[in-house]
Amino acid sequence: METRVAIIGIIVEDKNSVGALNELLHEYGEYIIGRMGLPYRKKNINIISIAVDAPQDVIAALSGKVGNLPGVSAKTAYSNVISNE
């Protein structure tokens, strides 16, 4: 199975979506390399960066589900590193 390394950038504007976001990240936990979250109190938002190594369809599914949460935006940047696992 081919996997890719990618970064999913997430902006959380609606704190009511944090629980659902954490559930999604837990569901896809086997693919997550690391996570960094930054609360930006001045703007009342949270900025989260998720590094993943997964098949491209799994990355797209996670990013899409995250981006469909109310008050949450997600964008994905893919590396050119592809491996067979």
C-alpha atoms as a PDB file:
ATOM      1  CA  MET A   1       0.000   0.000   0.000  1.00  0.00           C
ATOM      2  CA  GLU A   2       1.408   3.406  -0.970  1.00  0.00           C
ATOM      3  CA  THR A   3       1.542   6.037   1.738  1.00  0.00           C
ATOM      4  CA  ARG A   4       2.360   9.729   1.608  1.00  0.00           C
ATOM      5  CA  VAL A   5       3.588  12.179   4.172  1.00  0.00           C
ATOM      6  CA  ALA A   6       1.410  15.265   4.548  1.00  0.00           C
ATOM      7  CA  ILE A   7       0.585  18.129   6.872  1.00  0.00           C
ATOM      8  CA  ILE A   8      -3.006  19.050   7.653  1.00  0.00           C
ATOM      9  CA  GLY A   9      -3.359  22.647   8.834  1.00  0.00           C
ATOM     10  CA  ILE A  10      -6.476  23.222  10.936  1.00  0.00           C
ATOM     11  CA  ILE A  11      -8.054  26.451  12.195  1.00  0.00           C
ATOM     12  CA  VAL A  12     -10.729  26.064  14.878  1.00  0.00           C
ATOM     13  CA  GLU A  13     -13.031  29.064  15.251  1.00  0.00           C
ATOM     14  CA  ASP A  14     -15.941  27.266  16.982  1.00  0.00           C
ATOM     15  CA  LYS A  15     -14.846  25.726  20.268  1.00  0.00           C
ATOM     16  CA  ASN A  16     -18.001  23.572  20.275  1.00  0.00           C
ATOM     17  CA  SER A  17     -16.397  21.473  17.519  1.00  0.00           C
ATOM     18  CA  VAL A  18     -13.293  20.585  19.549  1.00  0.00           C
ATOM     19  CA  GLY A  19     -14.795  17.362  20.938  1.00  0.00           C
ATOM     20  CA  ALA A  20     -15.751  16.084  17.484  1.00  0.00           C
ATOM     21  CA  LEU A  21     -12.335  17.102  16.129  1.00  0.00           C
ATOM     22  CA  ASN A  22     -10.535  15.173  18.866  1.00  0.00           C
ATOM     23  CA  GLU A  23     -12.709  12.113  18.164  1.00  0.00           C
ATOM     24  CA  LEU A  24     -11.739  12.233  14.476  1.00  0.00           C
ATOM     25  CA  LEU A  25      -8.058  12.582  15.297  1.00  0.00           C
ATOM     26  CA  HIS A  26      -8.314   9.643  17.692  1.00  0.00           C
ATOM     27  CA  GLU A  27     -10.053   7.579  14.988  1.00  0.00           C
ATOM     28  CA  TYR A  28      -7.158   8.246  12.568  1.00  0.00           C
ATOM     29  CA  GLY A  29      -4.485   8.048  15.282  1.00  0.00           C
ATOM     30  CA  GLU A  30      -2.607   5.163  13.664  1.00  0.00           C
ATOM     31  CA  TYR A  31      -1.636   7.498  10.783  1.00  0.00           C
ATOM     32  CA  ILE A  32      -0.662  10.541  12.853  1.00  0.00           C
ATOM     33  CA  ILE A  33       3.068  11.162  13.207  1.00  0.00           C
ATOM     34  CA  GLY A  34       2.694  14.222  15.426  1.00  0.00           C
ATOM     35  CA  ARG A  35       0.434  17.079  16.384  1.00  0.00           C
ATOM     36  CA  MET A  36       1.036  20.668  17.459  1.00  0.00           C
ATOM     37  CA  GLY A  37      -1.690  22.955  18.743  1.00  0.00           C
ATOM     38  CA  LEU A  38      -1.433  26.669  19.358  1.00  0.00           C
ATOM     39  CA  PRO A  39      -4.162  28.629  21.115  1.00  0.00           C
ATOM     40  CA  TYR A  40      -4.288  32.151  19.685  1.00  0.00           C
ATOM     41  CA  ARG A  41      -6.144  33.854  22.499  1.00  0.00           C
ATOM     42  CA  LYS A  42      -5.968  37.320  20.952  1.00  0.00           C
ATOM     43  CA  LYS A  43      -8.097  36.113  17.997  1.00  0.00           C
ATOM     44  CA  ASN A  44     -10.030  33.473  20.008  1.00  0.00           C
ATOM     45  CA  ILE A  45      -9.010  30.645  17.648  1.00  0.00           C
ATOM     46  CA  ASN A  46      -6.871  27.513  17.800  1.00  0.00           C
ATOM     47  CA  ILE A  47      -4.280  26.601  15.186  1.00  0.00           C
ATOM     48  CA  ILE A  48      -3.440  22.910  14.855  1.00  0.00           C
ATOM     49  CA  SER A  49      -0.898  21.178  12.638  1.00  0.00           C
ATOM     50  CA  ILE A  50      -1.148  17.415  12.093  1.00  0.00           C
ATOM     51  CA  ALA A  51       1.662  15.437  10.418  1.00  0.00           C
ATOM     52  CA  VAL A  52       0.444  12.191   8.863  1.00  0.00           C
ATOM     53  CA  ASP A  53       1.843   9.219   6.939  1.00  0.00           C
ATOM     54  CA  ALA A  54      -1.075   7.450   5.257  1.00  0.00           C
ATOM     55  CA  PRO A  55      -2.587   6.416   1.940  1.00  0.00           C
ATOM     56  CA  GLN A  56      -3.723   9.465  -0.012  1.00  0.00           C
ATOM     57  CA  ASP A  57      -7.408   8.524   0.250  1.00  0.00           C
ATOM     58  CA  VAL A  58      -7.128   8.296   4.052  1.00  0.00           C
ATOM     59  CA  ILE A  59      -5.484  11.730   4.220  1.00  0.00           C
ATOM     60  CA  ALA A  60      -8.179  13.223   1.982  1.00  0.00           C
ATOM     61  CA  ALA A  61     -10.939  11.597   4.043  1.00  0.00           C
ATOM     62  CA  LEU A  62      -9.555  12.923   7.323  1.00  0.00           C
ATOM     63  CA  SER A  63      -9.024  16.415   5.938  1.00  0.00           C
ATOM     64  CA  GLY A  64     -12.527  16.448   4.441  1.00  0.00           C
ATOM     65  CA  LYS A  65     -14.189  15.276   7.654  1.00  0.00           C
ATOM     66  CA  VAL A  66     -12.273  17.855   9.684  1.00  0.00           C
ATOM     67  CA  GLY A  67     -13.147  20.637   7.240  1.00  0.00           C
ATOM     68  CA  ASN A  68     -16.848  19.716   7.420  1.00  0.00           C
ATOM     69  CA  LEU A  69     -17.010  20.369  11.161  1.00  0.00           C
ATOM     70  CA  PRO A  70     -18.805  23.634  12.018  1.00  0.00           C
ATOM     71  CA  GLY A  71     -16.355  26.493  12.496  1.00  0.00           C
ATOM     72  CA  VAL A  72     -13.343  24.431  11.432  1.00  0.00           C
ATOM     73  CA  SER A  73     -11.155  24.938   8.331  1.00  0.00           C
ATOM     74  CA  ALA A  74      -8.590  22.439   7.047  1.00  0.00           C
ATOM     75  CA  LYS A  75      -6.010  22.484   4.245  1.00  0.00           C
ATOM     76  CA  THR A  76      -3.572  19.748   3.330  1.00  0.00           C
ATOM     77  CA  ALA A  77      -0.041  20.008   1.936  1.00  0.00           C
ATOM     78  CA  TYR A  78       1.362  16.774   0.484  1.00  0.00           C
ATOM     79  CA  SER A  79       5.033  15.880   0.272  1.00  0.00           C
ATOM     80  CA  ASN A  80       6.456  14.092  -2.739  1.00  0.00           C
ATOM     81  CA  VAL A  81       7.640  11.306  -0.437  1.00  0.00           C
ATOM     82  CA  ILE A  82       5.710   8.166  -1.351  1.00  0.00           C
ATOM     83  CA  SER A  83       6.543   4.786   0.127  1.00  0.00           C
ATOM     84  CA  ASN A  84       5.179   1.274  -0.140  1.00  0.00           C
ATOM     85  CA  GLU A  85       4.187  -0.241   3.178  1.00  0.00           C
END
